[in-house]
């Protein structure tokens, strides 16, 4: 992947996290990173989402995030859930992701499931090409379906997920 695509994945990993004080305090540095991207749809979508974050009260952002990602299984950010549901296959899929992370020397964040999309995107922004290709291939359809469901729900995150899906297609 190009440097721009890796930077895009890194930015998306931050923007898709819960809008807590840390995220909201990092908006200026995120803006600077977005301006490093070439002009075009990706830069426009990411900049527009920053404007959305700046225009809302923190409690409103948190409510919206929770409504879409925490309270609605159809739009949760856990990729293996979209693939396996809550069945035993999900545990095996998460274990496989943990193994992939370990083989790449990546340390995951304590308290996050290995299939949490912001964590996956963070990993992809720094992981080796062969591993990146595998993860993209494994979870492309789940990302595209999630983007579609968020778009149907009118979620402010829908355009971000469409950028993620675009990056999973190429």
C-alpha atoms as a PDB file:
ATOM      1  CA  UNK A   1       0.000   0.000   0.000  1.00  0.00           C
ATOM      2  CA  UNK A   2       1.073   3.539  -0.601  1.00  0.00           C
ATOM      3  CA  UNK A   3       2.146   5.874   2.184  1.00  0.00           C
ATOM      4  CA  UNK A   4      -1.078   7.849   1.656  1.00  0.00           C
ATOM      5  CA  UNK A   5      -3.248   4.743   2.110  1.00  0.00           C
ATOM      6  CA  UNK A   6      -1.356   3.745   5.253  1.00  0.00           C
ATOM      7  CA  UNK A   7      -1.752   7.274   6.634  1.00  0.00           C
ATOM      8  CA  UNK A   8      -5.467   7.133   5.758  1.00  0.00           C
ATOM      9  CA  UNK A   9      -5.852   3.879   7.716  1.00  0.00           C
ATOM     10  CA  UNK A  10      -4.058   5.440  10.696  1.00  0.00           C
ATOM     11  CA  UNK A  11      -6.329   8.508  10.630  1.00  0.00           C
ATOM     12  CA  UNK A  12      -9.425   6.328  10.297  1.00  0.00           C
ATOM     13  CA  UNK A  13      -8.307   4.219  13.261  1.00  0.00           C
ATOM     14  CA  UNK A  14      -8.429   7.373  15.384  1.00  0.00           C
ATOM     15  CA  UNK A  15     -11.646   8.827  13.981  1.00  0.00           C
ATOM     16  CA  UNK A  16     -13.531   5.568  14.571  1.00  0.00           C
ATOM     17  CA  UNK A  17     -12.684   5.466  18.261  1.00  0.00           C
ATOM     18  CA  UNK A  18     -15.052   6.570  20.987  1.00  0.00           C
ATOM     19  CA  UNK A  19     -15.105  10.398  20.966  1.00  0.00           C
ATOM     20  CA  UNK A  20     -13.566  10.879  24.372  1.00  0.00           C
ATOM     21  CA  UNK A  21     -11.431  13.765  25.587  1.00  0.00           C
ATOM     22  CA  UNK A  22      -8.258  12.261  24.088  1.00  0.00           C
ATOM     23  CA  UNK A  23      -9.772  12.077  20.619  1.00  0.00           C
ATOM     24  CA  UNK A  24     -11.347  15.521  20.837  1.00  0.00           C
ATOM     25  CA  UNK A  25      -8.044  17.007  22.007  1.00  0.00           C
ATOM     26  CA  UNK A  26      -6.262  15.505  19.008  1.00  0.00           C
ATOM     27  CA  UNK A  27      -8.438  17.091  16.311  1.00  0.00           C
ATOM     28  CA  UNK A  28      -5.797  19.634  15.291  1.00  0.00           C
ATOM     29  CA  UNK A  29      -3.106  16.992  14.801  1.00  0.00           C
ATOM     30  CA  UNK A  30      -5.624  14.853  12.893  1.00  0.00           C
ATOM     31  CA  UNK A  31      -6.407  17.860  10.686  1.00  0.00           C
ATOM     32  CA  UNK A  32      -2.700  18.290   9.929  1.00  0.00           C
ATOM     33  CA  UNK A  33      -2.423  14.601   9.010  1.00  0.00           C
ATOM     34  CA  UNK A  34      -5.499  14.835   6.774  1.00  0.00           C
ATOM     35  CA  UNK A  35      -3.961  17.809   4.961  1.00  0.00           C
ATOM     36  CA  UNK A  36      -0.953  15.596   4.114  1.00  0.00           C
ATOM     37  CA  UNK A  37      -3.237  13.410   2.002  1.00  0.00           C
ATOM     38  CA  UNK A  38      -3.633  14.200  -1.682  1.00  0.00           C
ATOM     39  CA  UNK A  39      -6.689  16.310  -2.525  1.00  0.00           C
ATOM     40  CA  UNK A  40      -9.700  14.215  -3.387  1.00  0.00           C
ATOM     41  CA  UNK A  41     -12.645  12.319  -1.937  1.00  0.00           C
ATOM     42  CA  UNK A  42     -10.750  10.742   0.982  1.00  0.00           C
ATOM     43  CA  UNK A  43      -9.362  14.056   2.172  1.00  0.00           C
ATOM     44  CA  UNK A  44     -12.790  15.704   1.781  1.00  0.00           C
ATOM     45  CA  UNK A  45     -14.618  12.985   3.743  1.00  0.00           C
ATOM     46  CA  UNK A  46     -12.093  13.004   6.580  1.00  0.00           C
ATOM     47  CA  UNK A  47     -12.034  16.814   6.791  1.00  0.00           C
ATOM     48  CA  UNK A  48     -15.854  16.941   6.769  1.00  0.00           C
ATOM     49  CA  UNK A  49     -15.959  14.423   9.604  1.00  0.00           C
ATOM     50  CA  UNK A  50     -13.555  16.593  11.616  1.00  0.00           C
ATOM     51  CA  UNK A  51     -15.922  19.513  11.044  1.00  0.00           C
ATOM     52  CA  UNK A  52     -18.757  17.336  12.341  1.00  0.00           C
ATOM     53  CA  UNK A  53     -16.743  16.470  15.472  1.00  0.00           C
ATOM     54  CA  UNK A  54     -15.953  20.142  16.058  1.00  0.00           C
ATOM     55  CA  UNK A  55     -19.588  21.204  15.593  1.00  0.00           C
ATOM     56  CA  UNK A  56     -21.112  18.907  18.217  1.00  0.00           C
ATOM     57  CA  UNK A  57     -21.054  18.888  21.988  1.00  0.00           C
ATOM     58  CA  UNK A  58     -18.997  15.977  23.364  1.00  0.00           C
ATOM     59  CA  UNK A  59     -22.016  14.350  25.012  1.00  0.00           C
ATOM     60  CA  UNK A  60     -23.912  14.412  21.697  1.00  0.00           C
ATOM     61  CA  UNK A  61     -20.943  12.798  19.902  1.00  0.00           C
ATOM     62  CA  UNK A  62     -20.731  10.104  22.559  1.00  0.00           C
ATOM     63  CA  UNK A  63     -24.462   9.385  22.396  1.00  0.00           C
ATOM     64  CA  UNK A  64     -24.328   9.088  18.612  1.00  0.00           C
ATOM     65  CA  UNK A  65     -21.296   6.811  18.728  1.00  0.00           C
ATOM     66  CA  UNK A  66     -22.874   4.555  21.344  1.00  0.00           C
ATOM     67  CA  UNK A  67     -26.175   4.431  19.487  1.00  0.00           C
ATOM     68  CA  UNK A  68     -24.528   3.122  16.341  1.00  0.00           C
ATOM     69  CA  UNK A  69     -21.605   1.071  17.597  1.00  0.00           C
ATOM     70  CA  UNK A  70     -22.392  -0.058  21.131  1.00  0.00           C
ATOM     71  CA  UNK A  71     -26.163  -0.513  21.155  1.00  0.00           C
ATOM     72  CA  UNK A  72     -26.728  -1.877  17.660  1.00  0.00           C
ATOM     73  CA  UNK A  73     -25.193  -5.284  16.893  1.00  0.00           C
ATOM     74  CA  UNK A  74     -25.824  -4.713  13.174  1.00  0.00           C
ATOM     75  CA  UNK A  75     -23.360  -1.813  13.191  1.00  0.00           C
ATOM     76  CA  UNK A  76     -20.905  -2.761  15.928  1.00  0.00           C
ATOM     77  CA  UNK A  77     -17.210  -2.314  15.161  1.00  0.00           C
ATOM     78  CA  UNK A  78     -16.251  -5.928  15.927  1.00  0.00           C
ATOM     79  CA  UNK A  79     -15.541  -7.507  12.552  1.00  0.00           C
ATOM     80  CA  UNK A  80     -15.761 -11.135  13.633  1.00  0.00           C
ATOM     81  CA  UNK A  81     -19.271 -10.520  14.960  1.00  0.00           C
ATOM     82  CA  UNK A  82     -20.382  -9.584  11.448  1.00  0.00           C
ATOM     83  CA  UNK A  83     -18.771 -12.727  10.100  1.00  0.00           C
ATOM     84  CA  UNK A  84     -19.581 -15.309  12.790  1.00  0.00           C
ATOM     85  CA  UNK A  85     -22.186 -13.840  15.108  1.00  0.00           C
ATOM     86  CA  UNK A  86     -21.642 -14.888  18.722  1.00  0.00           C
ATOM     87  CA  UNK A  87     -20.949 -18.534  17.849  1.00  0.00           C
ATOM     88  CA  UNK A  88     -17.850 -20.554  18.652  1.00  0.00           C
ATOM     89  CA  UNK A  89     -16.368 -19.698  15.248  1.00  0.00           C
ATOM     90  CA  UNK A  90     -15.997 -16.115  16.448  1.00  0.00           C
ATOM     91  CA  UNK A  91     -13.550 -17.137  19.175  1.00  0.00           C
ATOM     92  CA  UNK A  92     -11.435 -18.981  16.625  1.00  0.00           C
ATOM     93  CA  UNK A  93     -11.498 -15.968  14.285  1.00  0.00           C
ATOM     94  CA  UNK A  94     -10.373 -13.666  17.106  1.00  0.00           C
ATOM     95  CA  UNK A  95      -7.629 -16.102  18.099  1.00  0.00           C
ATOM     96  CA  UNK A  96      -6.453 -16.095  14.492  1.00  0.00           C
ATOM     97  CA  UNK A  97      -6.232 -12.287  14.551  1.00  0.00           C
ATOM     98  CA  UNK A  98      -4.253 -12.395  17.805  1.00  0.00           C
ATOM     99  CA  UNK A  99      -1.846 -14.829  16.165  1.00  0.00           C
ATOM    100  CA  UNK A 100      -1.473 -12.544  13.141  1.00  0.00           C
ATOM    101  CA  UNK A 101      -0.732  -9.601  15.444  1.00  0.00           C
ATOM    102  CA  UNK A 102       1.857 -11.595  17.397  1.00  0.00           C
ATOM    103  CA  UNK A 103       3.593 -12.854  14.267  1.00  0.00           C
ATOM    104  CA  UNK A 104       3.920  -9.253  13.085  1.00  0.00           C
ATOM    105  CA  UNK A 105       5.263  -8.165  16.491  1.00  0.00           C
ATOM    106  CA  UNK A 106       2.250  -5.955  17.151  1.00  0.00           C
ATOM    107  CA  UNK A 107       1.165  -5.301  20.728  1.00  0.00           C
ATOM    108  CA  UNK A 108      -2.580  -4.825  21.074  1.00  0.00           C
ATOM    109  CA  UNK A 109      -4.249  -2.388  23.433  1.00  0.00           C
ATOM    110  CA  UNK A 110      -5.364  -4.003  26.674  1.00  0.00           C
ATOM    111  CA  UNK A 111      -9.118  -4.169  27.008  1.00  0.00           C
ATOM    112  CA  UNK A 112      -9.897  -4.145  23.277  1.00  0.00           C
ATOM    113  CA  UNK A 113     -11.007  -7.209  21.372  1.00  0.00           C
ATOM    114  CA  UNK A 114      -8.633  -8.038  18.507  1.00  0.00           C
ATOM    115  CA  UNK A 115     -11.387  -7.578  15.923  1.00  0.00           C
ATOM    116  CA  UNK A 116     -12.273  -4.011  16.986  1.00  0.00           C
ATOM    117  CA  UNK A 117     -12.095  -2.065  13.723  1.00  0.00           C
ATOM    118  CA  UNK A 118     -10.030   0.895  15.009  1.00  0.00           C
ATOM    119  CA  UNK A 119      -7.458  -1.604  16.349  1.00  0.00           C
ATOM    120  CA  UNK A 120      -7.448  -3.532  13.050  1.00  0.00           C
ATOM    121  CA  UNK A 121      -6.943  -0.289  11.114  1.00  0.00           C
ATOM    122  CA  UNK A 122      -4.108   0.785  13.422  1.00  0.00           C
ATOM    123  CA  UNK A 123      -2.439  -2.570  12.821  1.00  0.00           C
ATOM    124  CA  UNK A 124      -2.942  -2.359   9.061  1.00  0.00           C
ATOM    125  CA  UNK A 125      -1.361   1.101   8.983  1.00  0.00           C
ATOM    126  CA  UNK A 126       1.965  -0.444  10.061  1.00  0.00           C
ATOM    127  CA  UNK A 127       1.804  -4.126   9.126  1.00  0.00           C
ATOM    128  CA  UNK A 128       3.743  -6.001   6.459  1.00  0.00           C
ATOM    129  CA  UNK A 129       2.217  -6.218   2.962  1.00  0.00           C
ATOM    130  CA  UNK A 130       1.504  -9.951   2.965  1.00  0.00           C
ATOM    131  CA  UNK A 131      -0.275  -9.760   6.306  1.00  0.00           C
ATOM    132  CA  UNK A 132      -2.150  -6.646   5.259  1.00  0.00           C
ATOM    133  CA  UNK A 133      -3.375  -8.414   2.129  1.00  0.00           C
ATOM    134  CA  UNK A 134      -4.635 -11.363   4.188  1.00  0.00           C
ATOM    135  CA  UNK A 135      -6.559  -9.187   6.674  1.00  0.00           C
ATOM    136  CA  UNK A 136      -8.060  -7.112   3.876  1.00  0.00           C
ATOM    137  CA  UNK A 137      -9.156 -10.243   2.018  1.00  0.00           C
ATOM    138  CA  UNK A 138     -10.599 -11.839   5.171  1.00  0.00           C
ATOM    139  CA  UNK A 139     -12.697  -8.855   6.250  1.00  0.00           C
ATOM    140  CA  UNK A 140     -13.499  -6.915   3.059  1.00  0.00           C
ATOM    141  CA  UNK A 141     -17.109  -8.083   2.827  1.00  0.00           C
ATOM    142  CA  UNK A 142     -17.788  -7.330   6.509  1.00  0.00           C
ATOM    143  CA  UNK A 143     -16.441  -3.779   6.078  1.00  0.00           C
ATOM    144  CA  UNK A 144     -18.554  -3.203   2.966  1.00  0.00           C
ATOM    145  CA  UNK A 145     -21.692  -4.529   4.681  1.00  0.00           C
ATOM    146  CA  UNK A 146     -21.049  -2.371   7.750  1.00  0.00           C
ATOM    147  CA  UNK A 147     -20.593   0.699   5.535  1.00  0.00           C
ATOM    148  CA  UNK A 148     -23.921  -0.070   3.820  1.00  0.00           C
ATOM    149  CA  UNK A 149     -25.785  -0.519   7.121  1.00  0.00           C
ATOM    150  CA  UNK A 150     -24.400   2.742   8.527  1.00  0.00           C
ATOM    151  CA  UNK A 151     -25.361   4.530   5.332  1.00  0.00           C
ATOM    152  CA  UNK A 152     -28.920   3.145   5.563  1.00  0.00           C
ATOM    153  CA  UNK A 153     -29.082   4.279   9.199  1.00  0.00           C
ATOM    154  CA  UNK A 154     -27.979   7.796   8.228  1.00  0.00           C
ATOM    155  CA  UNK A 155     -25.068   7.593  10.651  1.00  0.00           C
ATOM    156  CA  UNK A 156     -22.491  10.375  10.554  1.00  0.00           C
ATOM    157  CA  UNK A 157     -19.860   7.607  10.478  1.00  0.00           C
ATOM    158  CA  UNK A 158     -21.166   6.161   7.193  1.00  0.00           C
ATOM    159  CA  UNK A 159     -18.798   8.161   5.003  1.00  0.00           C
ATOM    160  CA  UNK A 160     -15.815   7.128   7.137  1.00  0.00           C
ATOM    161  CA  UNK A 161     -16.742   3.486   6.646  1.00  0.00           C
ATOM    162  CA  UNK A 162     -17.071   4.044   2.914  1.00  0.00           C
ATOM    163  CA  UNK A 163     -13.457   5.296   2.921  1.00  0.00           C
ATOM    164  CA  UNK A 164     -12.416   2.209   4.893  1.00  0.00           C
ATOM    165  CA  UNK A 165     -14.240   0.034   2.348  1.00  0.00           C
ATOM    166  CA  UNK A 166     -12.530   1.871  -0.510  1.00  0.00           C
ATOM    167  CA  UNK A 167      -9.159   1.130   1.069  1.00  0.00           C
ATOM    168  CA  UNK A 168     -10.120  -2.534   1.463  1.00  0.00           C
ATOM    169  CA  UNK A 169     -10.964  -2.761  -2.243  1.00  0.00           C
ATOM    170  CA  UNK A 170      -7.558  -1.664  -3.491  1.00  0.00           C
END
